[in-house]
Amino acid sequence: MKKLLTALVLACMFLNVQAAYSIKAKEEPIDKTEFLNLNWWKKYNDDKLVDYLLVAYDNNQDLKIAGYNTQQALQVTKMSFAKELPSLSFDGQYQREFESSEIKFGDTVIPNYNQSRFILPLTMAYEFDIWGKNRLKTKSLKVQQEIVSQDEKSAYISLTSAIAANYFNLIKAQNLIKNQKELVELQKEIVKKEEIKHKAGLAPVTELIEEKQALQFFEAELNNLIENEDLLKNKLLVLLGDSQAKISTNEDFNIFPVPNSLSPELIQNRPDVIKSANYIDKSRFDVRIAKKDFLPSFLIYGQVGFNAYQLNRIFTPASWLSAIGVSPSVDLFTGGLKTSILRYKKLEYEKALQGYQKTLLVSLQELNDSLLSAKIAQKNYEKMESNFNFEQNLFNLSEKQIAIGSKSELEHLKAKQALLIAKKNEISAKANCLLTSINIYKAAGGVDYTANEATEKENI
């Protein structure tokens, strides 16, 4: 009996060893800088942007929280796996019994007595997973772990996109401020010229008032741009997770090409699509678990140790203690609880299927909308660039005319003003092109969407 019980304990201890090793393998540290997708952001040819992403990787609190959530999900999976394995515990006891009255067993009388008792047992318990219910629970939690990991990936995509958008908006604001300052100074010169004309009786007072109003408008717009720049810097510090970080930008940004088309397969990279598919798998496992809850469970238990009434005899053969047993258990009546749980899980599975279909539709919409916005932004930029070149030609012509005296200095200042306004529109349109490319990146699930287009061109 002793050998049989010892063999049973050892066999239970080594059950599911391969599964244990598979879970330990998932605990190996992952270089999460891959989640930043730096190869993509390097395509914007801005080293400062890449540096900011690395600073956020080290400091951003949202990324750290998402990482902790993933680690917690792993621990929950391990807790479930632990329930598949046998448990072994030691529950030592020391008792001192005091009997104050006689105890009778038929004609046998036991007088008053007191005695000590020493119990040193090892207790093993194992729920024999004959139906695979516990294994299904662990599989369900493993899928939940994958869902949480997709949340972490989504956090990286959202953060890197927000930093890039904020950074490009900051460059845009700084270029607009520089341009607006020139406009303000130029308008001050125009106001002075109009005052001279008005005093000389060459211009009505309405023209002077209009120019002064324009000056106030330009100054107010400059104040708004300066405020926006400060707000963008403050927001960038929060995204970086470091209030002491030094904010600096390049003077300009490069246009990012807009693809002609996008493959619908890109949405398969989106974390929300992967999560929806994973949730279907999890719901399917949960339905199977609910079905197996109707089946009986079997608990195998055993105990080995020593039981003695004197301490000096506790490790003698006569004090050996052993026990083994199987405890079947089945719920005969639960008031329809398990049936309701099963129906609930089936409905959850149906919801998961519908949610997946909706996620696909929304993802395709966002992908198509982002591409359409990028194409419109590209067309608008081309028009604003053409308009700027047109105003540049007019300004060059104005310089030639003022050199030969065929145009007044005030008219020349007006030509320069039109050039600066065209430059302002061109800066905004150029920034919008970059921002729409970031929107495509997010809609494509944080992957290089230009790679597919390059492959298509090679095939053609």
Protein backbone atom coordinates (compact mmCIF):
# COMPACT_ATOMS: atom_id res chain seq x y z
CA MET A 1 0.00 0.00 0.00
CA LYS A 2 2.84 2.39 0.85
CA LYS A 3 4.50 1.82 -2.52
CA LEU A 4 1.20 2.23 -4.34
CA LEU A 5 0.44 5.53 -2.61
CA THR A 6 3.96 6.87 -3.18
CA ALA A 7 3.76 5.97 -6.88
CA LEU A 8 0.38 7.70 -7.16
CA VAL A 9 1.73 10.91 -5.65
CA LEU A 10 4.76 10.93 -7.95
CA ALA A 11 2.63 10.27 -11.02
CA CYS A 12 0.34 13.18 -10.21
CA MET A 13 3.32 15.47 -9.59
CA PHE A 14 4.60 14.91 -13.14
CA LEU A 15 1.28 15.24 -14.96
CA ASN A 16 1.17 17.86 -17.78
CA VAL A 17 4.92 18.55 -17.63
CA GLN A 18 5.02 19.60 -21.28
CA ALA A 19 2.25 22.14 -20.73
CA ALA A 20 4.16 23.56 -17.79
CA TYR A 21 7.22 24.12 -19.94
CA SER A 22 5.13 25.82 -22.63
CA ILE A 23 3.81 28.37 -20.11
CA LYS A 24 7.31 29.06 -18.76
CA ALA A 25 8.50 29.71 -22.30
CA LYS A 26 5.98 32.51 -22.64
CA GLU A 27 7.49 34.25 -19.64
CA GLU A 28 10.73 34.95 -21.51
CA PRO A 29 11.26 38.72 -21.83
CA ILE A 30 10.26 40.28 -25.16
CA ASP A 31 12.00 43.25 -26.73
CA LYS A 32 8.96 45.47 -26.96
CA THR A 33 10.78 48.14 -28.95
CA GLU A 34 9.52 46.10 -31.92
CA PHE A 35 6.04 47.31 -31.02
CA LEU A 36 7.20 50.86 -31.80
CA ASN A 37 7.72 49.85 -35.45
CA LEU A 38 10.65 52.25 -35.77
CA ASN A 39 11.37 51.13 -39.35
CA TRP A 40 8.07 52.72 -40.34
CA TRP A 41 8.64 56.01 -38.57
CA LYS A 42 12.15 56.29 -40.00
CA LYS A 43 10.51 56.67 -43.42
CA TYR A 44 9.56 60.22 -42.41
CA ASN A 45 13.30 61.06 -42.36
CA ASP A 46 13.16 62.79 -39.00
CA ASP A 47 15.60 61.53 -36.36
CA LYS A 48 14.05 63.67 -33.65
CA LEU A 49 10.72 61.91 -34.09
CA VAL A 50 12.40 58.53 -33.62
CA ASP A 51 14.19 59.83 -30.52
CA TYR A 52 10.87 60.96 -29.02
CA LEU A 53 9.37 57.52 -29.60
CA LEU A 54 12.25 55.91 -27.73
CA VAL A 55 11.82 58.38 -24.85
CA ALA A 56 8.13 57.47 -24.65
CA TYR A 57 9.03 53.78 -24.67
CA ASP A 58 11.10 54.30 -21.54
CA ASN A 59 8.77 56.68 -19.70
CA ASN A 60 5.16 56.64 -20.92
CA GLN A 61 2.82 55.46 -18.17
CA ASP A 62 0.13 54.10 -20.51
CA LEU A 63 2.64 51.74 -22.12
CA LYS A 64 3.80 50.54 -18.71
CA ILE A 65 0.21 49.94 -17.57
CA ALA A 66 -0.54 48.01 -20.78
CA GLY A 67 2.57 45.91 -20.16
CA TYR A 68 1.50 45.18 -16.59
CA ASN A 69 -1.95 44.15 -17.83
CA THR A 70 -0.32 41.64 -20.17
CA GLN A 71 1.81 40.26 -17.34
CA GLN A 72 -1.26 39.96 -15.12
CA ALA A 73 -3.10 38.03 -17.84
CA LEU A 74 -0.16 35.63 -18.00
CA GLN A 75 -0.34 35.06 -14.25
CA VAL A 76 -4.09 34.37 -14.48
CA THR A 77 -3.34 31.71 -17.12
CA LYS A 78 -0.72 30.19 -14.83
CA MET A 79 -3.18 30.14 -11.94
CA SER A 80 -5.63 28.22 -14.09
CA PHE A 81 -2.93 25.81 -15.19
CA ALA A 82 -1.96 25.25 -11.55
CA LYS A 83 -5.46 23.87 -10.93
CA GLU A 84 -4.77 21.16 -13.50
CA LEU A 85 -1.88 19.87 -11.43
CA PRO A 86 -2.09 17.95 -8.14
CA SER A 87 -1.64 19.80 -4.88
CA LEU A 88 0.66 18.59 -2.13
CA SER A 89 0.50 20.09 1.32
CA PHE A 90 1.85 19.47 4.79
CA ASP A 91 -0.53 20.00 7.72
CA GLY A 92 1.24 19.07 10.91
CA GLN A 93 -0.79 18.89 14.11
CA TYR A 94 -0.13 18.63 17.82
CA GLN A 95 -3.05 17.82 20.12
CA ARG A 96 -3.33 17.55 23.89
CA GLU A 97 -6.52 15.75 24.88
CA PHE A 98 -8.12 16.07 28.32
CA GLU A 99 -11.02 13.70 29.07
CA SER A 100 -12.77 14.72 32.32
CA SER A 101 -15.38 11.99 32.45
CA GLU A 102 -15.51 8.25 31.95
CA ILE A 103 -16.09 6.98 28.42
CA LYS A 104 -17.95 3.71 27.94
CA PHE A 105 -17.77 1.41 24.92
CA GLY A 106 -20.30 -1.28 25.89
CA ASP A 107 -18.90 -3.03 28.95
CA THR A 108 -15.53 -1.36 28.50
CA VAL A 109 -14.98 1.71 30.63
CA ILE A 110 -12.22 4.24 29.94
CA PRO A 111 -11.51 6.41 32.98
CA ASN A 112 -10.42 10.03 32.98
CA TYR A 113 -7.20 10.57 31.06
CA ASN A 114 -5.06 13.04 29.15
CA GLN A 115 -2.65 12.41 26.32
CA SER A 116 -0.68 14.07 23.50
CA ARG A 117 -0.94 13.32 19.80
CA PHE A 118 1.53 14.14 17.04
CA ILE A 119 0.41 14.04 13.37
CA LEU A 120 2.84 14.76 10.49
CA PRO A 121 1.02 14.00 7.21
CA LEU A 122 1.65 14.90 3.54
CA THR A 123 -1.71 15.38 1.83
CA MET A 124 -2.16 15.10 -1.94
CA ALA A 125 -5.29 16.07 -3.86
CA TYR A 126 -5.87 15.94 -7.60
CA GLU A 127 -9.02 16.51 -9.59
CA PHE A 128 -8.86 13.89 -12.31
CA ASP A 129 -9.73 15.91 -15.43
CA ILE A 130 -11.37 13.02 -17.23
CA TRP A 131 -13.60 15.33 -19.31
CA GLY A 132 -10.91 17.93 -20.05
CA LYS A 133 -12.86 20.74 -18.38
CA ASN A 134 -9.90 22.22 -16.53
CA ARG A 135 -7.79 22.06 -19.68
CA LEU A 136 -10.49 24.01 -21.54
CA LYS A 137 -10.52 26.66 -18.81
CA THR A 138 -6.79 27.17 -19.25
CA LYS A 139 -7.16 27.37 -23.03
CA SER A 140 -9.90 29.97 -22.59
CA LEU A 141 -7.65 32.07 -20.37
CA LYS A 142 -4.78 31.71 -22.82
CA VAL A 143 -7.00 33.26 -25.48
CA GLN A 144 -7.92 36.00 -23.00
CA GLN A 145 -4.20 36.56 -22.53
CA GLU A 146 -3.86 37.07 -26.30
CA ILE A 147 -6.72 39.56 -26.19
CA VAL A 148 -4.93 41.57 -23.50
CA SER A 149 -1.69 41.44 -25.50
CA GLN A 150 -3.57 42.98 -28.44
CA ASP A 151 -4.66 45.79 -26.12
CA GLU A 152 -0.98 46.41 -25.42
CA LYS A 153 -0.21 46.46 -29.15
CA SER A 154 -3.08 48.89 -29.65
CA ALA A 155 -1.62 51.13 -26.94
CA TYR A 156 1.69 51.25 -28.81
CA ILE A 157 0.00 52.09 -32.11
CA SER A 158 -2.11 54.81 -30.52
CA LEU A 159 0.77 56.35 -28.61
CA THR A 160 3.29 56.38 -31.47
CA SER A 161 0.65 57.82 -33.80
CA ALA A 162 -0.31 60.48 -31.25
CA ILE A 163 3.33 61.46 -30.72
CA ALA A 164 3.96 61.68 -34.48
CA ALA A 165 0.78 63.71 -35.07
CA ASN A 166 1.59 66.02 -32.17
CA TYR A 167 5.17 66.43 -33.38
CA PHE A 168 4.13 67.32 -36.94
CA ASN A 169 1.47 69.69 -35.64
CA LEU A 170 4.16 71.35 -33.56
CA ILE A 171 6.35 71.83 -36.63
CA LYS A 172 3.32 73.19 -38.45
CA ALA A 173 2.59 75.63 -35.61
CA GLN A 174 6.18 76.85 -35.51
CA ASN A 175 6.26 77.42 -39.26
CA LEU A 176 2.94 79.22 -39.12
CA ILE A 177 4.18 81.40 -36.25
CA LYS A 178 7.26 82.35 -38.25
CA ASN A 179 5.11 83.13 -41.27
CA GLN A 180 2.56 85.04 -39.15
CA LYS A 181 5.22 87.21 -37.57
CA GLU A 182 6.31 88.27 -41.04
CA LEU A 183 2.68 89.01 -41.89
CA VAL A 184 2.28 91.16 -38.77
CA GLU A 185 5.44 93.15 -39.48
CA LEU A 186 4.44 93.54 -43.10
CA GLN A 187 0.96 94.72 -42.14
CA LYS A 188 2.47 97.31 -39.82
CA GLU A 189 4.39 98.69 -42.80
CA ILE A 190 1.20 98.71 -44.85
CA VAL A 191 -0.64 100.62 -42.10
CA LYS A 192 2.15 103.21 -42.03
CA LYS A 193 1.97 103.64 -45.79
CA GLU A 194 -1.84 103.98 -45.64
CA GLU A 195 -1.53 106.64 -42.90
CA ILE A 196 0.84 108.62 -45.11
CA LYS A 197 -1.54 108.31 -48.05
CA HIS A 198 -4.50 109.30 -45.88
CA LYS A 199 -2.72 112.36 -44.51
CA ALA A 200 -1.83 113.35 -48.06
CA GLY A 201 -5.47 112.96 -49.04
CA LEU A 202 -4.72 110.09 -51.42
CA ALA A 203 -6.68 107.41 -49.53
CA PRO A 204 -10.06 107.43 -47.79
CA VAL A 205 -10.26 106.82 -44.08
CA THR A 206 -12.10 103.52 -44.72
CA GLU A 207 -8.98 102.03 -46.32
CA LEU A 208 -6.90 103.02 -43.31
CA ILE A 209 -9.44 101.50 -40.92
CA GLU A 210 -9.55 98.26 -42.93
CA GLU A 211 -5.78 97.93 -42.82
CA LYS A 212 -5.71 98.57 -39.07
CA GLN A 213 -8.42 95.94 -38.61
CA ALA A 214 -6.37 93.49 -40.67
CA LEU A 215 -3.38 94.19 -38.41
CA GLN A 216 -5.41 93.39 -35.33
CA PHE A 217 -6.68 90.21 -36.93
CA PHE A 218 -3.12 89.10 -37.81
CA GLU A 219 -1.90 89.86 -34.27
CA ALA A 220 -4.79 87.93 -32.72
CA GLU A 221 -4.09 84.99 -35.01
CA LEU A 222 -0.42 85.12 -33.99
CA ASN A 223 -1.42 84.96 -30.32
CA ASN A 224 -3.59 81.94 -31.03
CA LEU A 225 -0.74 80.22 -32.84
CA ILE A 226 1.65 80.86 -29.95
CA GLU A 227 -0.92 79.48 -27.52
CA ASN A 228 -1.41 76.42 -29.70
CA GLU A 229 2.34 75.85 -29.79
CA ASP A 230 2.53 75.86 -25.98
CA LEU A 231 -0.42 73.48 -25.76
CA LEU A 232 1.21 71.09 -28.23
CA LYS A 233 4.46 71.15 -26.26
CA ASN A 234 2.63 70.40 -23.01
CA LYS A 235 0.72 67.55 -24.64
CA LEU A 236 3.92 66.12 -26.10
CA LEU A 237 5.52 66.10 -22.65
CA VAL A 238 2.57 64.08 -21.33
CA LEU A 239 2.81 61.63 -24.22
CA LEU A 240 6.53 61.23 -23.60
CA GLY A 241 5.86 60.62 -19.92
CA ASP A 242 8.69 62.97 -18.95
CA SER A 243 7.93 66.54 -17.92
CA GLN A 244 11.65 67.38 -18.01
CA ALA A 245 12.18 66.40 -21.63
CA LYS A 246 13.57 69.06 -23.94
CA ILE A 247 11.30 69.78 -26.89
CA SER A 248 12.89 70.65 -30.20
CA THR A 249 11.83 70.07 -33.81
CA ASN A 250 13.20 70.19 -37.29
CA GLU A 251 12.42 73.30 -39.30
CA ASP A 252 10.35 71.50 -41.91
CA PHE A 253 8.86 68.13 -42.80
CA ASN A 254 8.87 65.98 -45.89
CA ILE A 255 5.79 64.97 -47.83
CA PHE A 256 4.84 61.31 -47.48
CA PRO A 257 3.52 59.62 -50.67
CA VAL A 258 -0.12 58.56 -50.79
CA PRO A 259 -0.82 55.05 -52.16
CA ASN A 260 -3.22 54.62 -55.05
CA SER A 261 -5.06 51.81 -53.28
CA LEU A 262 -4.94 49.70 -50.12
CA SER A 263 -5.43 45.99 -49.78
CA PRO A 264 -8.46 45.04 -47.64
CA GLU A 265 -6.26 42.35 -46.08
CA LEU A 266 -4.49 45.10 -44.13
CA ILE A 267 -7.30 45.14 -41.58
CA GLN A 268 -6.23 41.65 -40.46
CA ASN A 269 -3.29 43.36 -38.73
CA ARG A 270 -5.55 45.57 -36.61
CA PRO A 271 -5.59 44.70 -32.90
CA ASP A 272 -9.37 45.13 -32.69
CA VAL A 273 -9.92 42.63 -35.52
CA ILE A 274 -7.55 40.11 -33.93
CA LYS A 275 -9.24 40.65 -30.56
CA SER A 276 -12.67 40.01 -32.06
CA ALA A 277 -11.48 36.77 -33.65
CA ASN A 278 -9.85 35.70 -30.37
CA TYR A 279 -13.03 36.46 -28.48
CA ILE A 280 -14.92 34.07 -30.74
CA ASP A 281 -12.44 31.33 -29.79
CA LYS A 282 -12.75 32.18 -26.12
CA SER A 283 -16.56 32.12 -26.27
CA ARG A 284 -16.43 28.73 -27.98
CA PHE A 285 -14.26 27.35 -25.17
CA ASP A 286 -16.62 28.83 -22.57
CA VAL A 287 -19.60 27.06 -24.17
CA ARG A 288 -17.77 23.73 -24.04
CA ILE A 289 -16.84 24.35 -20.40
CA ALA A 290 -20.48 25.09 -19.54
CA LYS A 291 -21.52 21.80 -21.15
CA LYS A 292 -18.95 19.80 -19.20
CA ASP A 293 -20.16 21.34 -15.93
CA PHE A 294 -23.11 18.90 -16.16
CA LEU A 295 -20.72 15.94 -15.89
CA PRO A 296 -19.47 14.49 -12.59
CA SER A 297 -16.03 15.36 -11.22
CA PHE A 298 -13.58 12.98 -9.57
CA LEU A 299 -11.21 14.00 -6.79
CA ILE A 300 -8.31 11.69 -6.04
CA TYR A 301 -6.78 12.18 -2.63
CA GLY A 302 -4.11 10.51 -0.57
CA GLN A 303 -2.20 10.99 2.64
CA VAL A 304 1.09 9.65 3.98
CA GLY A 305 2.83 10.54 7.21
CA PHE A 306 3.18 9.66 10.88
CA ASN A 307 0.74 9.54 13.74
CA ALA A 308 2.02 8.95 17.28
CA TYR A 309 1.03 9.60 20.88
CA GLN A 310 4.62 9.97 22.02
CA LEU A 311 7.20 12.18 20.37
CA ASN A 312 10.00 9.62 20.65
CA ARG A 313 7.94 7.07 18.69
CA ILE A 314 6.77 9.33 15.88
CA PHE A 315 9.09 7.91 13.18
CA THR A 316 8.65 4.25 14.03
CA PRO A 317 6.97 1.78 11.62
CA ALA A 318 4.06 1.45 14.01
CA SER A 319 3.19 5.15 13.66
CA TRP A 320 2.99 5.09 9.84
CA LEU A 321 -0.16 6.79 8.51
CA SER A 322 -1.53 6.35 4.96
CA ALA A 323 -4.82 6.76 3.17
CA ILE A 324 -6.07 6.86 -0.41
CA GLY A 325 -9.46 7.44 -1.97
CA VAL A 326 -11.56 8.70 -4.85
CA SER A 327 -14.40 11.15 -4.30
CA PRO A 328 -16.92 11.43 -7.18
CA SER A 329 -19.17 14.48 -7.16
CA VAL A 330 -22.15 15.45 -9.29
CA ASP A 331 -24.81 18.12 -8.86
CA LEU A 332 -28.22 16.46 -9.00
CA PHE A 333 -30.28 19.65 -8.75
CA THR A 334 -29.18 23.30 -9.05
CA GLY A 335 -32.50 24.95 -9.86
CA GLY A 336 -31.60 25.40 -13.55
CA LEU A 337 -28.41 27.33 -12.76
CA LYS A 338 -26.15 25.36 -15.06
CA THR A 339 -28.68 25.40 -17.87
CA SER A 340 -28.92 29.18 -17.64
CA ILE A 341 -25.13 29.47 -17.64
CA LEU A 342 -24.92 27.32 -20.77
CA ARG A 343 -27.56 29.39 -22.56
CA TYR A 344 -25.79 32.59 -21.50
CA LYS A 345 -22.47 31.34 -22.90
CA LYS A 346 -24.14 30.35 -26.18
CA LEU A 347 -25.63 33.81 -26.51
CA GLU A 348 -22.23 35.32 -25.74
CA TYR A 349 -20.79 33.23 -28.57
CA GLU A 350 -23.44 34.56 -30.97
CA LYS A 351 -22.64 38.11 -29.84
CA ALA A 352 -18.97 37.45 -30.52
CA LEU A 353 -19.76 36.39 -34.09
CA GLN A 354 -21.81 39.51 -34.71
CA GLY A 355 -19.18 41.70 -33.06
CA TYR A 356 -16.51 40.27 -35.35
CA GLN A 357 -18.57 41.06 -38.46
CA LYS A 358 -19.16 44.62 -37.27
CA THR A 359 -15.46 45.09 -36.47
CA LEU A 360 -14.57 44.00 -40.02
CA LEU A 361 -17.03 46.47 -41.52
CA VAL A 362 -15.87 49.36 -39.32
CA SER A 363 -12.23 48.54 -40.04
CA LEU A 364 -12.80 48.58 -43.79
CA GLN A 365 -14.65 51.86 -43.48
CA GLU A 366 -11.82 53.46 -41.50
CA LEU A 367 -9.24 52.15 -43.96
CA ASN A 368 -11.14 53.49 -46.97
CA ASP A 369 -11.97 56.79 -45.25
CA SER A 370 -8.34 57.37 -44.27
CA LEU A 371 -7.18 56.69 -47.84
CA LEU A 372 -9.82 59.04 -49.24
CA SER A 373 -8.81 61.78 -46.78
CA ALA A 374 -5.16 61.31 -47.74
CA LYS A 375 -5.94 61.63 -51.43
CA ILE A 376 -7.99 64.79 -50.84
CA ALA A 377 -5.24 66.23 -48.65
CA GLN A 378 -2.70 65.45 -51.39
CA LYS A 379 -4.82 67.22 -54.01
CA ASN A 380 -5.33 70.23 -51.75
CA TYR A 381 -1.61 70.43 -51.09
CA GLU A 382 -0.88 70.36 -54.80
CA LYS A 383 -3.35 73.21 -55.33
CA MET A 384 -1.92 75.24 -52.43
CA GLU A 385 1.61 74.62 -53.70
CA SER A 386 0.56 75.71 -57.18
CA ASN A 387 -1.09 78.80 -55.74
CA PHE A 388 2.07 79.61 -53.76
CA ASN A 389 4.19 79.27 -56.90
CA PHE A 390 1.73 81.54 -58.70
CA GLU A 391 2.00 84.17 -55.97
CA GLN A 392 5.78 83.76 -56.00
CA ASN A 393 5.84 84.59 -59.70
CA LEU A 394 3.62 87.61 -59.10
CA PHE A 395 5.90 88.79 -56.31
CA ASN A 396 8.99 88.37 -58.52
CA LEU A 397 7.22 90.39 -61.20
CA SER A 398 6.35 93.02 -58.60
CA GLU A 399 10.01 93.33 -57.62
CA LYS A 400 10.91 94.00 -61.24
CA GLN A 401 8.12 96.55 -61.57
CA ILE A 402 9.13 98.44 -58.43
CA ALA A 403 12.72 98.45 -59.64
CA ILE A 404 11.70 100.31 -62.78
CA GLY A 405 9.21 102.48 -60.91
CA SER A 406 6.04 101.10 -62.52
CA LYS A 407 4.54 99.99 -59.18
CA SER A 408 4.21 101.72 -55.84
CA GLU A 409 5.86 100.44 -52.70
CA LEU A 410 2.46 99.88 -51.06
CA GLU A 411 1.35 97.68 -53.96
CA HIS A 412 4.61 95.76 -53.64
CA LEU A 413 3.91 95.16 -49.94
CA LYS A 414 0.44 93.88 -50.86
CA ALA A 415 2.03 91.40 -53.27
CA LYS A 416 4.34 90.16 -50.54
CA GLN A 417 1.37 89.88 -48.18
CA ALA A 418 -0.46 87.69 -50.68
CA LEU A 419 2.67 85.54 -50.97
CA LEU A 420 2.85 85.04 -47.19
CA ILE A 421 -0.85 84.13 -47.02
CA ALA A 422 -0.32 81.59 -49.79
CA LYS A 423 2.67 80.23 -47.86
CA LYS A 424 0.48 79.84 -44.75
CA ASN A 425 -2.05 77.81 -46.70
CA GLU A 426 0.70 75.71 -48.23
CA ILE A 427 2.17 74.92 -44.77
CA SER A 428 -1.23 73.80 -43.44
CA ALA A 429 -1.94 71.64 -46.49
CA LYS A 430 1.49 70.03 -46.28
CA ALA A 431 1.01 69.16 -42.62
CA ASN A 432 -2.41 67.68 -43.38
CA CYS A 433 -0.79 65.28 -45.85
CA LEU A 434 1.47 63.94 -43.10
CA LEU A 435 -1.37 63.66 -40.62
CA THR A 436 -3.53 61.69 -43.05
CA SER A 437 -0.66 59.24 -43.63
CA ILE A 438 -0.64 58.61 -39.88
CA ASN A 439 -4.37 57.94 -39.99
CA ILE A 440 -3.82 55.31 -42.70
CA TYR A 441 -1.11 53.73 -40.56
CA LYS A 442 -3.53 53.43 -37.64
CA ALA A 443 -6.35 52.12 -39.84
CA ALA A 444 -3.99 49.50 -41.29
CA GLY A 445 -3.19 48.14 -37.83
CA GLY A 446 0.21 49.75 -37.39
CA VAL A 447 1.96 48.13 -40.36
CA ASP A 448 3.81 49.52 -43.37
CA TYR A 449 0.94 49.84 -45.81
CA THR A 450 3.29 51.01 -48.58
CA ALA A 451 4.94 47.58 -48.72
CA ASN A 452 1.92 46.01 -50.41
CA GLU A 453 1.77 48.79 -52.97
CA ALA A 454 5.48 48.36 -53.77
CA THR A 455 4.93 44.62 -54.25
CA GLU A 456 2.01 45.28 -56.59
CA LYS A 457 4.11 47.65 -58.70
CA GLU A 458 6.89 45.03 -58.98
CA ASN A 459 4.38 42.43 -60.12
CA ILE A 460 3.00 44.79 -62.75
